[in-house]
Amino acid sequence: MKATEKKTVGKRLLLLGCMWFTLALFWLPPMTLILGWLRLPDGFYKMLLPSEFVMSAMMAATGGLLWRSASGRVSFVAYVIVYSCATLAIVAVLNVYGWIFPATLTTTADSFLRVLGSAK
């Protein structure tokens, strides 16, 4: 693959990955919307939404590395840093939506409701 092709493909992957991540963040995940009409089991959709965050972040990270590798050789440290940052973004989003530690969010929500109930 030529350097200009790497740059172009890398930019496209980075842009599409970032757009996909943003759409999934605002509850408009493309794969779930496309596959929604197939009437698959509910468990499939419960698994698909969190996996869209993983796929989109890894797609953006791979695009960034491919774009960077067009100008020269990319070190192993760059791969570790890029994929670690993508993993941190994934874990942060999954934690915010309560897919990692749901008991913590339930306890927080219950205490918040108790505070609202005592204010009345």
PDB file of N, CA and C in Angstrom:
ATOM      1  N   MET A   1       0.847  -1.172   0.000  1.00  0.00           N
ATOM      2  CA  MET A   1       0.000   0.000   0.000  1.00  0.00           C
ATOM      3  C   MET A   1       0.898   1.242   0.000  1.00  0.00           C
ATOM      4  N   LYS A   2       0.581   2.174  -0.865  1.00  0.00           N
ATOM      5  CA  LYS A   2       1.368   3.396  -0.957  1.00  0.00           C
ATOM      6  C   LYS A   2       1.065   4.320   0.218  1.00  0.00           C
ATOM      7  N   ALA A   3       1.972   5.268   0.414  1.00  0.00           N
ATOM      8  CA  ALA A   3       1.831   6.190   1.543  1.00  0.00           C
ATOM      9  C   ALA A   3       0.575   7.042   1.420  1.00  0.00           C
ATOM     10  N   THR A   4       0.256   7.495   0.211  1.00  0.00           N
ATOM     11  CA  THR A   4      -0.949   8.320   0.040  1.00  0.00           C
ATOM     12  C   THR A   4      -2.217   7.508   0.291  1.00  0.00           C
ATOM     13  N   GLU A   5      -2.198   6.238  -0.112  1.00  0.00           N
ATOM     14  CA  GLU A   5      -3.355   5.377   0.147  1.00  0.00           C
ATOM     15  C   GLU A   5      -3.516   5.120   1.645  1.00  0.00           C
ATOM     16  N   LYS A   6      -2.391   4.900   2.335  1.00  0.00           N
ATOM     17  CA  LYS A   6      -2.444   4.698   3.782  1.00  0.00           C
ATOM     18  C   LYS A   6      -3.021   5.924   4.478  1.00  0.00           C
ATOM     19  N   LYS A   7      -2.570   7.094   4.034  1.00  0.00           N
ATOM     20  CA  LYS A   7      -3.053   8.331   4.639  1.00  0.00           C
ATOM     21  C   LYS A   7      -4.555   8.494   4.433  1.00  0.00           C
ATOM     22  N   THR A   8      -5.011   8.236   3.222  1.00  0.00           N
ATOM     23  CA  THR A   8      -6.430   8.389   2.905  1.00  0.00           C
ATOM     24  C   THR A   8      -7.288   7.384   3.676  1.00  0.00           C
ATOM     25  N   VAL A   9      -6.871   6.125   3.676  1.00  0.00           N
ATOM     26  CA  VAL A   9      -7.632   5.095   4.389  1.00  0.00           C
ATOM     27  C   VAL A   9      -7.610   5.354   5.894  1.00  0.00           C
ATOM     28  N   GLY A  10      -6.466   5.777   6.411  1.00  0.00           N
ATOM     29  CA  GLY A  10      -6.361   6.080   7.829  1.00  0.00           C
ATOM     30  C   GLY A  10      -7.278   7.222   8.238  1.00  0.00           C
ATOM     31  N   LYS A  11      -7.317   8.287   7.437  1.00  0.00           N
ATOM     32  CA  LYS A  11      -8.203   9.414   7.736  1.00  0.00           C
ATOM     33  C   LYS A  11      -9.661   8.988   7.711  1.00  0.00           C
ATOM     34  N   ARG A  12     -10.017   8.169   6.727  1.00  0.00           N
ATOM     35  CA  ARG A  12     -11.408   7.709   6.619  1.00  0.00           C
ATOM     36  C   ARG A  12     -11.794   6.823   7.807  1.00  0.00           C
ATOM     37  N   LEU A  13     -10.915   5.904   8.174  1.00  0.00           N
ATOM     38  CA  LEU A  13     -11.207   5.037   9.320  1.00  0.00           C
ATOM     39  C   LEU A  13     -11.326   5.846  10.602  1.00  0.00           C
ATOM     40  N   LEU A  14     -10.436   6.802  10.776  1.00  0.00           N
ATOM     41  CA  LEU A  14     -10.476   7.661  11.969  1.00  0.00           C
ATOM     42  C   LEU A  14     -11.774   8.461  12.017  1.00  0.00           C
ATOM     43  N   LEU A  15     -12.144   9.063  10.907  1.00  0.00           N
ATOM     44  CA  LEU A  15     -13.362   9.869  10.848  1.00  0.00           C
ATOM     45  C   LEU A  15     -14.603   9.006  11.067  1.00  0.00           C
ATOM     46  N   LEU A  16     -14.688   7.879  10.390  1.00  0.00           N
ATOM     47  CA  LEU A  16     -15.850   7.000  10.551  1.00  0.00           C
ATOM     48  C   LEU A  16     -15.935   6.430  11.959  1.00  0.00           C
ATOM     49  N   GLY A  17     -14.796   6.070  12.545  1.00  0.00           N
ATOM     50  CA  GLY A  17     -14.795   5.560  13.913  1.00  0.00           C
ATOM     51  C   GLY A  17     -15.266   6.602  14.910  1.00  0.00           C
ATOM     52  N   CYS A  18     -14.815   7.842  14.737  1.00  0.00           N
ATOM     53  CA  CYS A  18     -15.247   8.927  15.641  1.00  0.00           C
ATOM     54  C   CYS A  18     -16.736   9.237  15.468  1.00  0.00           C
ATOM     55  N   MET A  19     -17.213   9.238  14.222  1.00  0.00           N
ATOM     56  CA  MET A  19     -18.633   9.480  13.989  1.00  0.00           C
ATOM     57  C   MET A  19     -19.476   8.348  14.577  1.00  0.00           C
ATOM     58  N   TRP A  20     -19.035   7.111  14.392  1.00  0.00           N
ATOM     59  CA  TRP A  20     -19.748   5.951  14.904  1.00  0.00           C
ATOM     60  C   TRP A  20     -19.807   5.998  16.436  1.00  0.00           C
ATOM     61  N   PHE A  21     -18.688   6.335  17.074  1.00  0.00           N
ATOM     62  CA  PHE A  21     -18.639   6.438  18.531  1.00  0.00           C
ATOM     63  C   PHE A  21     -19.586   7.529  19.025  1.00  0.00           C
ATOM     64  N   THR A  22     -19.603   8.672  18.337  1.00  0.00           N
ATOM     65  CA  THR A  22     -20.473   9.777  18.721  1.00  0.00           C
ATOM     66  C   THR A  22     -21.947   9.404  18.567  1.00  0.00           C
ATOM     67  N   LEU A  23     -22.289   8.749  17.465  1.00  0.00           N
ATOM     68  CA  LEU A  23     -23.675   8.321  17.272  1.00  0.00           C
ATOM     69  C   LEU A  23     -24.101   7.322  18.340  1.00  0.00           C
ATOM     70  N   ALA A  24     -23.223   6.388  18.672  1.00  0.00           N
ATOM     71  CA  ALA A  24     -23.552   5.411  19.708  1.00  0.00           C
ATOM     72  C   ALA A  24     -23.663   6.085  21.072  1.00  0.00           C
ATOM     73  N   LEU A  25     -22.875   7.112  21.294  1.00  0.00           N
ATOM     74  CA  LEU A  25     -22.922   7.841  22.566  1.00  0.00           C
ATOM     75  C   LEU A  25     -24.260   8.540  22.758  1.00  0.00           C
ATOM     76  N   PHE A  26     -24.858   9.008  21.651  1.00  0.00           N
ATOM     77  CA  PHE A  26     -26.159   9.673  21.709  1.00  0.00           C
ATOM     78  C   PHE A  26     -27.305   8.714  21.399  1.00  0.00           C
ATOM     79  N   TRP A  27     -27.089   7.441  21.631  1.00  0.00           N
ATOM     80  CA  TRP A  27     -28.092   6.388  21.483  1.00  0.00           C
ATOM     81  C   TRP A  27     -28.664   6.301  20.072  1.00  0.00           C
ATOM     82  N   LEU A  28     -27.841   6.533  19.061  1.00  0.00           N
ATOM     83  CA  LEU A  28     -28.209   6.306  17.668  1.00  0.00           C
ATOM     84  C   LEU A  28     -27.205   5.349  17.022  1.00  0.00           C
ATOM     85  N   PRO A  29     -26.993   4.175  17.617  1.00  0.00           N
ATOM     86  CA  PRO A  29     -25.962   3.274  17.100  1.00  0.00           C
ATOM     87  C   PRO A  29     -26.359   2.716  15.729  1.00  0.00           C
ATOM     88  N   PRO A  30     -25.517   2.903  14.725  1.00  0.00           N
ATOM     89  CA  PRO A  30     -25.866   2.503  13.363  1.00  0.00           C
ATOM     90  C   PRO A  30     -26.183   1.018  13.205  1.00  0.00           C
ATOM     91  N   MET A  31     -25.381   0.138  13.800  1.00  0.00           N
ATOM     92  CA  MET A  31     -25.632  -1.289  13.604  1.00  0.00           C
ATOM     93  C   MET A  31     -26.932  -1.723  14.263  1.00  0.00           C
ATOM     94  N   THR A  32     -27.239  -1.170  15.404  1.00  0.00           N
ATOM     95  CA  THR A  32     -28.480  -1.517  16.078  1.00  0.00           C
ATOM     96  C   THR A  32     -29.677  -1.010  15.280  1.00  0.00           C
ATOM     97  N   LEU A  33     -29.560   0.176  14.710  1.00  0.00           N
ATOM     98  CA  LEU A  33     -30.650   0.716  13.901  1.00  0.00           C
ATOM     99  C   LEU A  33     -30.834  -0.082  12.608  1.00  0.00           C
ATOM    100  N   ILE A  34     -29.723  -0.524  12.024  1.00  0.00           N
ATOM    101  CA  ILE A  34     -29.811  -1.295  10.783  1.00  0.00           C
ATOM    102  C   ILE A  34     -30.360  -2.694  11.046  1.00  0.00           C
ATOM    103  N   LEU A  35     -29.880  -3.343  12.112  1.00  0.00           N
ATOM    104  CA  LEU A  35     -30.310  -4.709  12.412  1.00  0.00           C
ATOM    105  C   LEU A  35     -31.606  -4.767  13.210  1.00  0.00           C
ATOM    106  N   GLY A  36     -32.172  -3.636  13.566  1.00  0.00           N
ATOM    107  CA  GLY A  36     -33.378  -3.609  14.377  1.00  0.00           C
ATOM    108  C   GLY A  36     -34.584  -4.246  13.734  1.00  0.00           C
ATOM    109  N   TRP A  37     -34.674  -4.205  12.422  1.00  0.00           N
ATOM    110  CA  TRP A  37     -35.833  -4.751  11.737  1.00  0.00           C
ATOM    111  C   TRP A  37     -35.770  -6.267  11.565  1.00  0.00           C
ATOM    112  N   LEU A  38     -34.669  -6.902  11.962  1.00  0.00           N
ATOM    113  CA  LEU A  38     -34.532  -8.353  11.782  1.00  0.00           C
ATOM    114  C   LEU A  38     -35.244  -9.167  12.865  1.00  0.00           C
ATOM    115  N   ARG A  39     -35.704  -8.536  13.927  1.00  0.00           N
ATOM    116  CA  ARG A  39     -36.413  -9.192  15.028  1.00  0.00           C
ATOM    117  C   ARG A  39     -35.588 -10.308  15.654  1.00  0.00           C
ATOM    118  N   LEU A  40     -34.378  -9.960  16.002  1.00  0.00           N
ATOM    119  CA  LEU A  40     -33.485 -10.899  16.678  1.00  0.00           C
ATOM    120  C   LEU A  40     -33.818 -10.913  18.171  1.00  0.00           C
ATOM    121  N   PRO A  41     -33.317 -11.901  18.915  1.00  0.00           N
ATOM    122  CA  PRO A  41     -33.615 -11.957  20.357  1.00  0.00           C
ATOM    123  C   PRO A  41     -33.125 -10.707  21.097  1.00  0.00           C
ATOM    124  N   ASP A  42     -33.790 -10.388  22.194  1.00  0.00           N
ATOM    125  CA  ASP A  42     -33.445  -9.189  22.969  1.00  0.00           C
ATOM    126  C   ASP A  42     -32.017  -9.239  23.500  1.00  0.00           C
ATOM    127  N   GLY A  43     -31.547 -10.419  23.845  1.00  0.00           N
ATOM    128  CA  GLY A  43     -30.181 -10.550  24.338  1.00  0.00           C
ATOM    129  C   GLY A  43     -29.152 -10.108  23.314  1.00  0.00           C
ATOM    130  N   PHE A  44     -29.456 -10.304  22.043  1.00  0.00           N
ATOM    131  CA  PHE A  44     -28.548  -9.878  20.978  1.00  0.00           C
ATOM    132  C   PHE A  44     -28.404  -8.365  20.983  1.00  0.00           C
ATOM    133  N   TYR A  45     -29.515  -7.656  21.131  1.00  0.00           N
ATOM    134  CA  TYR A  45     -29.460  -6.195  21.125  1.00  0.00           C
ATOM    135  C   TYR A  45     -28.817  -5.644  22.395  1.00  0.00           C
ATOM    136  N   LYS A  46     -29.010  -6.339  23.516  1.00  0.00           N
ATOM    137  CA  LYS A  46     -28.350  -5.914  24.750  1.00  0.00           C
ATOM    138  C   LYS A  46     -26.842  -6.051  24.649  1.00  0.00           C
ATOM    139  N   MET A  47     -26.388  -6.999  23.850  1.00  0.00           N
ATOM    140  CA  MET A  47     -24.957  -7.193  23.659  1.00  0.00           C
ATOM    141  C   MET A  47     -24.422  -6.297  22.538  1.00  0.00           C
ATOM    142  N   LEU A  48     -25.269  -5.971  21.565  1.00  0.00           N
ATOM    143  CA  LEU A  48     -24.815  -5.211  20.400  1.00  0.00           C
ATOM    144  C   LEU A  48     -24.479  -3.765  20.742  1.00  0.00           C
ATOM    145  N   LEU A  49     -25.270  -3.118  21.563  1.00  0.00           N
ATOM    146  CA  LEU A  49     -25.020  -1.707  21.858  1.00  0.00           C
ATOM    147  C   LEU A  49     -23.677  -1.475  22.544  1.00  0.00           C
ATOM    148  N   PRO A  50     -23.337  -2.219  23.605  1.00  0.00           N
ATOM    149  CA  PRO A  50     -21.996  -2.013  24.180  1.00  0.00           C
ATOM    150  C   PRO A  50     -20.873  -2.395  23.218  1.00  0.00           C
ATOM    151  N   SER A  51     -21.108  -3.391  22.375  1.00  0.00           N
ATOM    152  CA  SER A  51     -20.048  -3.790  21.452  1.00  0.00           C
ATOM    153  C   SER A  51     -19.827  -2.751  20.358  1.00  0.00           C
ATOM    154  N   GLU A  52     -20.820  -1.913  20.092  1.00  0.00           N
ATOM    155  CA  GLU A  52     -20.618  -0.845  19.110  1.00  0.00           C
ATOM    156  C   GLU A  52     -19.602   0.180  19.601  1.00  0.00           C
ATOM    157  N   PHE A  53     -19.579   0.430  20.907  1.00  0.00           N
ATOM    158  CA  PHE A  53     -18.563   1.328  21.452  1.00  0.00           C
ATOM    159  C   PHE A  53     -17.168   0.744  21.255  1.00  0.00           C
ATOM    160  N   VAL A  54     -17.049  -0.553  21.482  1.00  0.00           N
ATOM    161  CA  VAL A  54     -15.747  -1.211  21.327  1.00  0.00           C
ATOM    162  C   VAL A  54     -15.300  -1.165  19.875  1.00  0.00           C
ATOM    163  N   MET A  55     -16.183  -1.541  18.963  1.00  0.00           N
ATOM    164  CA  MET A  55     -15.816  -1.577  17.541  1.00  0.00           C
ATOM    165  C   MET A  55     -15.485  -0.193  17.000  1.00  0.00           C
ATOM    166  N   SER A  56     -16.260   0.821  17.398  1.00  0.00           N
ATOM    167  CA  SER A  56     -16.013   2.158  16.865  1.00  0.00           C
ATOM    168  C   SER A  56     -14.709   2.747  17.401  1.00  0.00           C
ATOM    169  N   ALA A  57     -14.418   2.536  18.680  1.00  0.00           N
ATOM    170  CA  ALA A  57     -13.171   3.066  19.243  1.00  0.00           C
ATOM    171  C   ALA A  57     -11.957   2.373  18.640  1.00  0.00           C
ATOM    172  N   MET A  58     -12.042   1.074  18.449  1.00  0.00           N
ATOM    173  CA  MET A  58     -10.921   0.357  17.836  1.00  0.00           C
ATOM    174  C   MET A  58     -10.752   0.743  16.369  1.00  0.00           C
ATOM    175  N   MET A  59     -11.853   1.018  15.684  1.00  0.00           N
ATOM    176  CA  MET A  59     -11.769   1.468  14.294  1.00  0.00           C
ATOM    177  C   MET A  59     -11.078   2.828  14.216  1.00  0.00           C
ATOM    178  N   ALA A  60     -11.424   3.738  15.117  1.00  0.00           N
ATOM    179  CA  ALA A  60     -10.788   5.057  15.130  1.00  0.00           C
ATOM    180  C   ALA A  60      -9.309   4.944  15.488  1.00  0.00           C
ATOM    181  N   ALA A  61      -8.974   4.086  16.449  1.00  0.00           N
ATOM    182  CA  ALA A  61      -7.568   3.909  16.841  1.00  0.00           C
ATOM    183  C   ALA A  61      -6.754   3.317  15.695  1.00  0.00           C
ATOM    184  N   THR A  62      -7.310   2.345  15.011  1.00  0.00           N
ATOM    185  CA  THR A  62      -6.601   1.744  13.877  1.00  0.00           C
ATOM    186  C   THR A  62      -6.419   2.750  12.754  1.00  0.00           C
ATOM    187  N   GLY A  63      -7.446   3.582  12.521  1.00  0.00           N
ATOM    188  CA  GLY A  63      -7.325   4.619  11.495  1.00  0.00           C
ATOM    189  C   GLY A  63      -6.239   5.629  11.827  1.00  0.00           C
ATOM    190  N   GLY A  64      -6.161   6.025  13.100  1.00  0.00           N
ATOM    191  CA  GLY A  64      -5.114   6.959  13.505  1.00  0.00           C
ATOM    192  C   GLY A  64      -3.726   6.379  13.337  1.00  0.00           C
ATOM    193  N   LEU A  65      -3.578   5.107  13.679  1.00  0.00           N
ATOM    194  CA  LEU A  65      -2.262   4.464  13.512  1.00  0.00           C
ATOM    195  C   LEU A  65      -1.903   4.291  12.045  1.00  0.00           C
ATOM    196  N   LEU A  66      -2.888   3.955  11.232  1.00  0.00           N
ATOM    197  CA  LEU A  66      -2.620   3.796   9.796  1.00  0.00           C
ATOM    198  C   LEU A  66      -2.254   5.133   9.170  1.00  0.00           C
ATOM    199  N   TRP A  67      -2.929   6.178   9.563  1.00  0.00           N
ATOM    200  CA  TRP A  67      -2.627   7.514   9.065  1.00  0.00           C
ATOM    201  C   TRP A  67      -1.216   7.921   9.481  1.00  0.00           C
ATOM    202  N   ARG A  68      -0.863   7.642  10.728  1.00  0.00           N
ATOM    203  CA  ARG A  68       0.470   7.984  11.239  1.00  0.00           C
ATOM    204  C   ARG A  68       1.559   7.160  10.566  1.00  0.00           C
ATOM    205  N   SER A  69       1.254   5.904  10.254  1.00  0.00           N
ATOM    206  CA  SER A  69       2.268   5.040   9.654  1.00  0.00           C
ATOM    207  C   SER A  69       2.561   5.413   8.208  1.00  0.00           C
ATOM    208  N   ALA A  70       1.734   6.244   7.598  1.00  0.00           N
ATOM    209  CA  ALA A  70       1.994   6.662   6.223  1.00  0.00           C
ATOM    210  C   ALA A  70       3.227   7.552   6.141  1.00  0.00           C
ATOM    211  N   SER A  71       3.521   8.292   7.207  1.00  0.00           N
ATOM    212  CA  SER A  71       4.664   9.192   7.182  1.00  0.00           C
ATOM    213  C   SER A  71       5.958   8.526   7.650  1.00  0.00           C
ATOM    214  N   GLY A  72       5.876   7.342   8.151  1.00  0.00           N
ATOM    215  CA  GLY A  72       7.081   6.645   8.605  1.00  0.00           C
ATOM    216  C   GLY A  72       6.722   5.438   9.437  1.00  0.00           C
ATOM    217  N   ARG A  73       7.710   4.893  10.060  1.00  0.00           N
ATOM    218  CA  ARG A  73       7.506   3.701  10.865  1.00  0.00           C
ATOM    219  C   ARG A  73       6.922   4.077  12.231  1.00  0.00           C
ATOM    220  N   VAL A  74       5.955   3.299  12.687  1.00  0.00           N
ATOM    221  CA  VAL A  74       5.311   3.543  13.968  1.00  0.00           C
ATOM    222  C   VAL A  74       5.882   2.565  14.984  1.00  0.00           C
ATOM    223  N   SER A  75       6.262   3.077  16.140  1.00  0.00           N
ATOM    224  CA  SER A  75       6.870   2.230  17.154  1.00  0.00           C
ATOM    225  C   SER A  75       5.807   1.442  17.922  1.00  0.00           C
ATOM    226  N   PHE A  76       6.272   0.448  18.640  1.00  0.00           N
ATOM    227  CA  PHE A  76       5.393  -0.377  19.462  1.00  0.00           C
ATOM    228  C   PHE A  76       4.745   0.451  20.564  1.00  0.00           C
ATOM    229  N   VAL A  77       5.469   1.423  21.074  1.00  0.00           N
ATOM    230  CA  VAL A  77       4.949   2.295  22.129  1.00  0.00           C
ATOM    231  C   VAL A  77       3.739   3.075  21.626  1.00  0.00           C
ATOM    232  N   ALA A  78       3.771   3.513  20.371  1.00  0.00           N
ATOM    233  CA  ALA A  78       2.636   4.238  19.801  1.00  0.00           C
ATOM    234  C   ALA A  78       1.399   3.346  19.754  1.00  0.00           C
ATOM    235  N   TYR A  79       1.581   2.089  19.379  1.00  0.00           N
ATOM    236  CA  TYR A  79       0.450   1.154  19.362  1.00  0.00           C
ATOM    237  C   TYR A  79      -0.134   0.981  20.763  1.00  0.00           C
ATOM    238  N   VAL A  80       0.741   0.814  21.746  1.00  0.00           N
ATOM    239  CA  VAL A  80       0.285   0.618  23.125  1.00  0.00           C
ATOM    240  C   VAL A  80      -0.469   1.850  23.614  1.00  0.00           C
ATOM    241  N   ILE A  81       0.049   3.034  23.334  1.00  0.00           N
ATOM    242  CA  ILE A  81      -0.594   4.263  23.791  1.00  0.00           C
ATOM    243  C   ILE A  81      -1.952   4.452  23.124  1.00  0.00           C
ATOM    244  N   VAL A  82      -2.014   4.273  21.821  1.00  0.00           N
ATOM    245  CA  VAL A  82      -3.270   4.510  21.097  1.00  0.00           C
ATOM    246  C   VAL A  82      -4.346   3.523  21.525  1.00  0.00           C
ATOM    247  N   TYR A  83      -4.010   2.242  21.583  1.00  0.00           N
ATOM    248  CA  TYR A  83      -5.027   1.253  21.954  1.00  0.00           C
ATOM    249  C   TYR A  83      -5.381   1.339  23.444  1.00  0.00           C
ATOM    250  N   SER A  84      -4.462   1.781  24.276  1.00  0.00           N
ATOM    251  CA  SER A  84      -4.786   1.983  25.692  1.00  0.00           C
ATOM    252  C   SER A  84      -5.759   3.147  25.866  1.00  0.00           C
ATOM    253  N   CYS A  85      -5.535   4.219  25.134  1.00  0.00           N
ATOM    254  CA  CYS A  85      -6.459   5.355  25.214  1.00  0.00           C
ATOM    255  C   CYS A  85      -7.838   4.978  24.691  1.00  0.00           C
ATOM    256  N   ALA A  86      -7.888   4.188  23.618  1.00  0.00           N
ATOM    257  CA  ALA A  86      -9.183   3.726  23.100  1.00  0.00           C
ATOM    258  C   ALA A  86      -9.881   2.841  24.128  1.00  0.00           C
ATOM    259  N   THR A  87      -9.122   1.994  24.806  1.00  0.00           N
ATOM    260  CA  THR A  87      -9.699   1.122  25.826  1.00  0.00           C
ATOM    261  C   THR A  87     -10.224   1.931  27.004  1.00  0.00           C
ATOM    262  N   LEU A  88      -9.508   2.971  27.403  1.00  0.00           N
ATOM    263  CA  LEU A  88      -9.979   3.830  28.493  1.00  0.00           C
ATOM    264  C   LEU A  88     -11.281   4.535  28.121  1.00  0.00           C
ATOM    265  N   ALA A  89     -11.394   4.975  26.874  1.00  0.00           N
ATOM    266  CA  ALA A  89     -12.640   5.608  26.425  1.00  0.00           C
ATOM    267  C   ALA A  89     -13.793   4.607  26.473  1.00  0.00           C
ATOM    268  N   ILE A  90     -13.526   3.387  26.070  1.00  0.00           N
ATOM    269  CA  ILE A  90     -14.566   2.343  26.089  1.00  0.00           C
ATOM    270  C   ILE A  90     -15.004   2.068  27.520  1.00  0.00           C
ATOM    271  N   VAL A  91     -14.057   1.883  28.415  1.00  0.00           N
ATOM    272  CA  VAL A  91     -14.383   1.574  29.809  1.00  0.00           C
ATOM    273  C   VAL A  91     -15.138   2.730  30.451  1.00  0.00           C
ATOM    274  N   ALA A  92     -14.751   3.952  30.138  1.00  0.00           N
ATOM    275  CA  ALA A  92     -15.443   5.115  30.708  1.00  0.00           C
ATOM    276  C   ALA A  92     -16.902   5.165  30.265  1.00  0.00           C
ATOM    277  N   VAL A  93     -17.145   4.941  28.986  1.00  0.00           N
ATOM    278  CA  VAL A  93     -18.522   4.987  28.484  1.00  0.00           C
ATOM    279  C   VAL A  93     -19.340   3.835  29.048  1.00  0.00           C
ATOM    280  N   LEU A  94     -18.773   2.644  29.073  1.00  0.00           N
ATOM    281  CA  LEU A  94     -19.511   1.500  29.606  1.00  0.00           C
ATOM    282  C   LEU A  94     -19.803   1.681  31.093  1.00  0.00           C
ATOM    283  N   ASN A  95     -18.907   2.317  31.810  1.00  0.00           N
ATOM    284  CA  ASN A  95     -19.131   2.582  33.229  1.00  0.00           C
ATOM    285  C   ASN A  95     -20.219   3.636  33.429  1.00  0.00           C
ATOM    286  N   VAL A  96     -20.222   4.665  32.594  1.00  0.00           N
ATOM    287  CA  VAL A  96     -21.234   5.711  32.706  1.00  0.00           C
ATOM    288  C   VAL A  96     -22.629   5.138  32.480  1.00  0.00           C
ATOM    289  N   TYR A  97     -22.764   4.246  31.513  1.00  0.00           N
ATOM    290  CA  TYR A  97     -24.072   3.648  31.236  1.00  0.00           C
ATOM    291  C   TYR A  97     -24.417   2.508  32.182  1.00  0.00           C
ATOM    292  N   GLY A  98     -23.516   2.155  33.088  1.00  0.00           N
ATOM    293  CA  GLY A  98     -23.820   1.145  34.089  1.00  0.00           C
ATOM    294  C   GLY A  98     -23.687  -0.278  33.606  1.00  0.00           C
ATOM    295  N   TRP A  99     -22.932  -0.505  32.550  1.00  0.00           N
ATOM    296  CA  TRP A  99     -22.763  -1.854  32.028  1.00  0.00           C
ATOM    297  C   TRP A  99     -21.609  -2.577  32.697  1.00  0.00           C
ATOM    298  N   ILE A 100     -20.804  -1.859  33.491  1.00  0.00           N
ATOM    299  CA  ILE A 100     -19.693  -2.509  34.186  1.00  0.00           C
ATOM    300  C   ILE A 100     -20.012  -2.680  35.663  1.00  0.00           C
ATOM    301  N   PHE A 101     -20.415  -1.608  36.326  1.00  0.00           N
ATOM    302  CA  PHE A 101     -20.732  -1.646  37.753  1.00  0.00           C
ATOM    303  C   PHE A 101     -22.169  -1.182  37.966  1.00  0.00           C
ATOM    304  N   PRO A 102     -23.160  -1.985  37.615  1.00  0.00           N
ATOM    305  CA  PRO A 102     -24.541  -1.512  37.735  1.00  0.00           C
ATOM    306  C   PRO A 102     -24.984  -1.306  39.179  1.00  0.00           C
ATOM    307  N   ALA A 103     -24.437  -2.041  40.133  1.00  0.00           N
ATOM    308  CA  ALA A 103     -24.859  -1.887  41.530  1.00  0.00           C
ATOM    309  C   ALA A 103     -24.488  -0.507  42.055  1.00  0.00           C
ATOM    310  N   THR A 104     -23.352   0.016  41.640  1.00  0.00           N
ATOM    311  CA  THR A 104     -22.912   1.335  42.084  1.00  0.00           C
ATOM    312  C   THR A 104     -23.879   2.412  41.593  1.00  0.00           C
ATOM    313  N   LEU A 105     -24.298   2.306  40.345  1.00  0.00           N
ATOM    314  CA  LEU A 105     -25.214   3.296  39.811  1.00  0.00           C
ATOM    315  C   LEU A 105     -26.586   3.185  40.458  1.00  0.00           C
ATOM    316  N   THR A 106     -27.033   1.971  40.746  1.00  0.00           N
ATOM    317  CA  THR A 106     -28.321   1.802  41.404  1.00  0.00           C
ATOM    318  C   THR A 106     -28.277   2.411  42.798  1.00  0.00           C
ATOM    319  N   THR A 107     -27.203   2.177  43.529  1.00  0.00           N
ATOM    320  CA  THR A 107     -27.071   2.741  44.867  1.00  0.00           C
ATOM    321  C   THR A 107     -27.048   4.262  44.807  1.00  0.00           C
ATOM    322  N   THR A 108     -26.353   4.819  43.833  1.00  0.00           N
ATOM    323  CA  THR A 108     -26.304   6.266  43.682  1.00  0.00           C
ATOM    324  C   THR A 108     -27.678   6.811  43.339  1.00  0.00           C
ATOM    325  N   ALA A 109     -28.380   6.144  42.443  1.00  0.00           N
ATOM    326  CA  ALA A 109     -29.719   6.595  42.061  1.00  0.00           C
ATOM    327  C   ALA A 109     -30.676   6.494  43.239  1.00  0.00           C
ATOM    328  N   ASP A 110     -30.578   5.413  44.018  1.00  0.00           N
ATOM    329  CA  ASP A 110     -31.449   5.270  45.187  1.00  0.00           C
ATOM    330  C   ASP A 110     -31.189   6.364  46.212  1.00  0.00           C
ATOM    331  N   SER A 111     -29.936   6.664  46.463  1.00  0.00           N
ATOM    332  CA  SER A 111     -29.624   7.715  47.436  1.00  0.00           C
ATOM    333  C   SER A 111     -30.078   9.079  46.923  1.00  0.00           C
ATOM    334  N   PHE A 112     -29.984   9.294  45.640  1.00  0.00           N
ATOM    335  CA  PHE A 112     -30.453  10.556  45.061  1.00  0.00           C
ATOM    336  C   PHE A 112     -31.964  10.684  45.219  1.00  0.00           C
ATOM    337  N   LEU A 113     -32.683   9.582  44.980  1.00  0.00           N
ATOM    338  CA  LEU A 113     -34.135   9.617  45.150  1.00  0.00           C
ATOM    339  C   LEU A 113     -34.518   9.818  46.615  1.00  0.00           C
ATOM    340  N   ARG A 114     -33.727   9.227  47.524  1.00  0.00           N
ATOM    341  CA  ARG A 114     -34.006   9.441  48.944  1.00  0.00           C
ATOM    342  C   ARG A 114     -33.828  10.906  49.334  1.00  0.00           C
ATOM    343  N   VAL A 115     -32.819  11.550  48.768  1.00  0.00           N
ATOM    344  CA  VAL A 115     -32.588  12.960  49.061  1.00  0.00           C
ATOM    345  C   VAL A 115     -33.744  13.793  48.506  1.00  0.00           C
ATOM    346  N   LEU A 116     -34.203  13.468  47.306  1.00  0.00           N
ATOM    347  CA  LEU A 116     -35.326  14.196  46.734  1.00  0.00           C
ATOM    348  C   LEU A 116     -36.609  13.962  47.543  1.00  0.00           C
ATOM    349  N   GLY A 117     -36.783  12.724  48.021  1.00  0.00           N
ATOM    350  CA  GLY A 117     -37.968  12.406  48.813  1.00  0.00           C
ATOM    351  C   GLY A 117     -37.979  13.121  50.146  1.00  0.00           C
ATOM    352  N   SER A 118     -36.819  13.301  50.751  1.00  0.00           N
ATOM    353  CA  SER A 118     -36.759  13.971  52.049  1.00  0.00           C
ATOM    354  C   SER A 118     -36.883  15.476  51.922  1.00  0.00           C
ATOM    355  N   ALA A 119     -36.687  16.007  50.713  1.00  0.00           N
ATOM    356  CA  ALA A 119     -36.768  17.453  50.519  1.00  0.00           C
ATOM    357  C   ALA A 119     -38.224  17.904  50.451  1.00  0.00           C
ATOM    358  N   LYS A 120     -39.145  16.978  50.156  1.00  0.00           N
ATOM    359  CA  LYS A 120     -40.560  17.370  50.022  1.00  0.00           C
ATOM    360  C   LYS A 120     -41.226  17.586  51.323  1.00  0.00           C
TER     361      LYS A 120
END
